[in-house]
């Protein structure tokens, strides 16, 4: 894994695990809600990182956090959509 892929994994772990613990301690057991909140937080972190630290837009493939070659913000959009589908399905 190159350094930027490590950054993507770190972003997911550093935001995802504490978020999961907080949501469980508050009594939220919904996987859909977790995925939506995680998607928003990770997407915002990735876009902020790209803009303020690397000075590039969201379309730049050379910089920013990636996981398996995909930008993290794109995975965040997928998490938000899947979380919405899970919430609708469980309702």
C-alpha atoms as a PDB file:
ATOM      1  CA  UNK A   1       0.000   0.000   0.000  1.00  0.00           C
ATOM      2  CA  UNK A   2       1.311   3.387  -0.859  1.00  0.00           C
ATOM      3  CA  UNK A   3       1.120   6.268   1.604  1.00  0.00           C
ATOM      4  CA  UNK A   4      -2.116   7.672   0.219  1.00  0.00           C
ATOM      5  CA  UNK A   5      -3.894   4.337   0.513  1.00  0.00           C
ATOM      6  CA  UNK A   6      -2.683   4.162   4.108  1.00  0.00           C
ATOM      7  CA  UNK A   7      -4.195   7.607   4.590  1.00  0.00           C
ATOM      8  CA  UNK A   8      -7.566   6.322   3.334  1.00  0.00           C
ATOM      9  CA  UNK A   9      -7.510   3.323   5.667  1.00  0.00           C
ATOM     10  CA  UNK A  10      -6.424   5.538   8.560  1.00  0.00           C
ATOM     11  CA  UNK A  11      -9.275   7.963   7.827  1.00  0.00           C
ATOM     12  CA  UNK A  12     -11.840   5.173   7.907  1.00  0.00           C
ATOM     13  CA  UNK A  13     -10.452   3.624  11.106  1.00  0.00           C
ATOM     14  CA  UNK A  14      -9.876   6.935  12.920  1.00  0.00           C
ATOM     15  CA  UNK A  15     -13.409   8.144  12.187  1.00  0.00           C
ATOM     16  CA  UNK A  16     -15.313   4.852  11.916  1.00  0.00           C
ATOM     17  CA  UNK A  17     -14.395   3.120  15.166  1.00  0.00           C
ATOM     18  CA  UNK A  18     -15.025   6.102  17.489  1.00  0.00           C
ATOM     19  CA  UNK A  19     -18.250   6.878  15.623  1.00  0.00           C
ATOM     20  CA  UNK A  20     -19.434   3.289  16.024  1.00  0.00           C
ATOM     21  CA  UNK A  21     -18.659   3.356  19.754  1.00  0.00           C
ATOM     22  CA  UNK A  22     -20.463   6.672  20.264  1.00  0.00           C
ATOM     23  CA  UNK A  23     -23.538   5.576  18.298  1.00  0.00           C
ATOM     24  CA  UNK A  24     -23.747   2.288  20.209  1.00  0.00           C
ATOM     25  CA  UNK A  25     -23.351   4.039  23.559  1.00  0.00           C
ATOM     26  CA  UNK A  26     -26.222   6.380  22.605  1.00  0.00           C
ATOM     27  CA  UNK A  27     -28.396   3.401  21.706  1.00  0.00           C
ATOM     28  CA  UNK A  28     -28.347   3.623  17.906  1.00  0.00           C
ATOM     29  CA  UNK A  29     -28.158   0.119  16.461  1.00  0.00           C
ATOM     30  CA  UNK A  30     -29.169   0.979  12.879  1.00  0.00           C
ATOM     31  CA  UNK A  31     -26.554   0.039  10.306  1.00  0.00           C
ATOM     32  CA  UNK A  32     -28.098   2.468   7.807  1.00  0.00           C
ATOM     33  CA  UNK A  33     -27.787   5.445  10.144  1.00  0.00           C
ATOM     34  CA  UNK A  34     -24.177   4.531  10.906  1.00  0.00           C
ATOM     35  CA  UNK A  35     -23.332   4.324   7.191  1.00  0.00           C
ATOM     36  CA  UNK A  36     -24.936   7.701   6.445  1.00  0.00           C
ATOM     37  CA  UNK A  37     -23.148   9.485   9.292  1.00  0.00           C
ATOM     38  CA  UNK A  38     -19.848   7.750   8.488  1.00  0.00           C
ATOM     39  CA  UNK A  39     -20.183   8.670   4.808  1.00  0.00           C
ATOM     40  CA  UNK A  40     -20.774  12.326   5.598  1.00  0.00           C
ATOM     41  CA  UNK A  41     -17.884  12.515   8.077  1.00  0.00           C
ATOM     42  CA  UNK A  42     -15.339  10.613   5.965  1.00  0.00           C
ATOM     43  CA  UNK A  43     -16.352  12.452   2.789  1.00  0.00           C
ATOM     44  CA  UNK A  44     -16.008  15.827   4.486  1.00  0.00           C
ATOM     45  CA  UNK A  45     -12.635  14.833   5.943  1.00  0.00           C
ATOM     46  CA  UNK A  46     -11.332  13.694   2.553  1.00  0.00           C
ATOM     47  CA  UNK A  47     -12.539  16.773   0.675  1.00  0.00           C
ATOM     48  CA  UNK A  48     -11.120  19.047   3.393  1.00  0.00           C
ATOM     49  CA  UNK A  49      -7.810  17.210   3.253  1.00  0.00           C
ATOM     50  CA  UNK A  50      -7.668  17.539  -0.535  1.00  0.00           C
ATOM     51  CA  UNK A  51      -8.551  21.223  -0.520  1.00  0.00           C
ATOM     52  CA  UNK A  52      -6.612  22.575   2.444  1.00  0.00           C
ATOM     53  CA  UNK A  53      -3.535  20.345   2.634  1.00  0.00           C
ATOM     54  CA  UNK A  54      -2.979  19.347  -0.968  1.00  0.00           C
ATOM     55  CA  UNK A  55      -4.590  22.388  -2.612  1.00  0.00           C
ATOM     56  CA  UNK A  56      -6.372  20.289  -5.228  1.00  0.00           C
ATOM     57  CA  UNK A  57      -9.951  19.633  -6.233  1.00  0.00           C
ATOM     58  CA  UNK A  58     -11.949  16.491  -5.664  1.00  0.00           C
ATOM     59  CA  UNK A  59     -11.164  15.177  -9.154  1.00  0.00           C
ATOM     60  CA  UNK A  60      -7.388  14.978  -8.683  1.00  0.00           C
ATOM     61  CA  UNK A  61      -6.320  11.331  -8.740  1.00  0.00           C
ATOM     62  CA  UNK A  62      -2.743  11.924  -7.656  1.00  0.00           C
ATOM     63  CA  UNK A  63      -3.385  13.314  -4.171  1.00  0.00           C
ATOM     64  CA  UNK A  64      -5.854  12.745  -1.384  1.00  0.00           C
ATOM     65  CA  UNK A  65      -6.973   9.631   0.413  1.00  0.00           C
ATOM     66  CA  UNK A  66      -7.759   6.544  -1.682  1.00  0.00           C
ATOM     67  CA  UNK A  67      -8.787   2.992  -0.981  1.00  0.00           C
ATOM     68  CA  UNK A  68      -8.220   0.391  -3.698  1.00  0.00           C
ATOM     69  CA  UNK A  69      -7.574   3.238  -6.128  1.00  0.00           C
ATOM     70  CA  UNK A  70     -10.941   4.934  -5.505  1.00  0.00           C
ATOM     71  CA  UNK A  71     -11.086   8.339  -3.841  1.00  0.00           C
ATOM     72  CA  UNK A  72     -12.504   8.170  -0.334  1.00  0.00           C
ATOM     73  CA  UNK A  73     -15.102  10.833  -1.113  1.00  0.00           C
ATOM     74  CA  UNK A  74     -16.529   8.521  -3.803  1.00  0.00           C
ATOM     75  CA  UNK A  75     -16.760   5.670  -1.291  1.00  0.00           C
ATOM     76  CA  UNK A  76     -18.426   8.096   1.132  1.00  0.00           C
ATOM     77  CA  UNK A  77     -21.146   8.811  -1.434  1.00  0.00           C
ATOM     78  CA  UNK A  78     -21.673   5.061  -1.840  1.00  0.00           C
ATOM     79  CA  UNK A  79     -21.951   4.640   1.962  1.00  0.00           C
ATOM     80  CA  UNK A  80     -24.561   7.414   2.128  1.00  0.00           C
ATOM     81  CA  UNK A  81     -26.632   5.847  -0.668  1.00  0.00           C
ATOM     82  CA  UNK A  82     -26.382   2.342   0.813  1.00  0.00           C
ATOM     83  CA  UNK A  83     -27.234   3.670   4.269  1.00  0.00           C
ATOM     84  CA  UNK A  84     -30.356   5.328   2.870  1.00  0.00           C
ATOM     85  CA  UNK A  85     -31.316   2.066   1.140  1.00  0.00           C
ATOM     86  CA  UNK A  86     -30.852   0.154   4.429  1.00  0.00           C
ATOM     87  CA  UNK A  87     -32.980   2.683   6.329  1.00  0.00           C
ATOM     88  CA  UNK A  88     -35.758   2.531   3.736  1.00  0.00           C
ATOM     89  CA  UNK A  89     -35.630  -1.263   3.643  1.00  0.00           C
ATOM     90  CA  UNK A  90     -35.796  -1.563   7.445  1.00  0.00           C
ATOM     91  CA  UNK A  91     -38.665   0.941   7.804  1.00  0.00           C
END
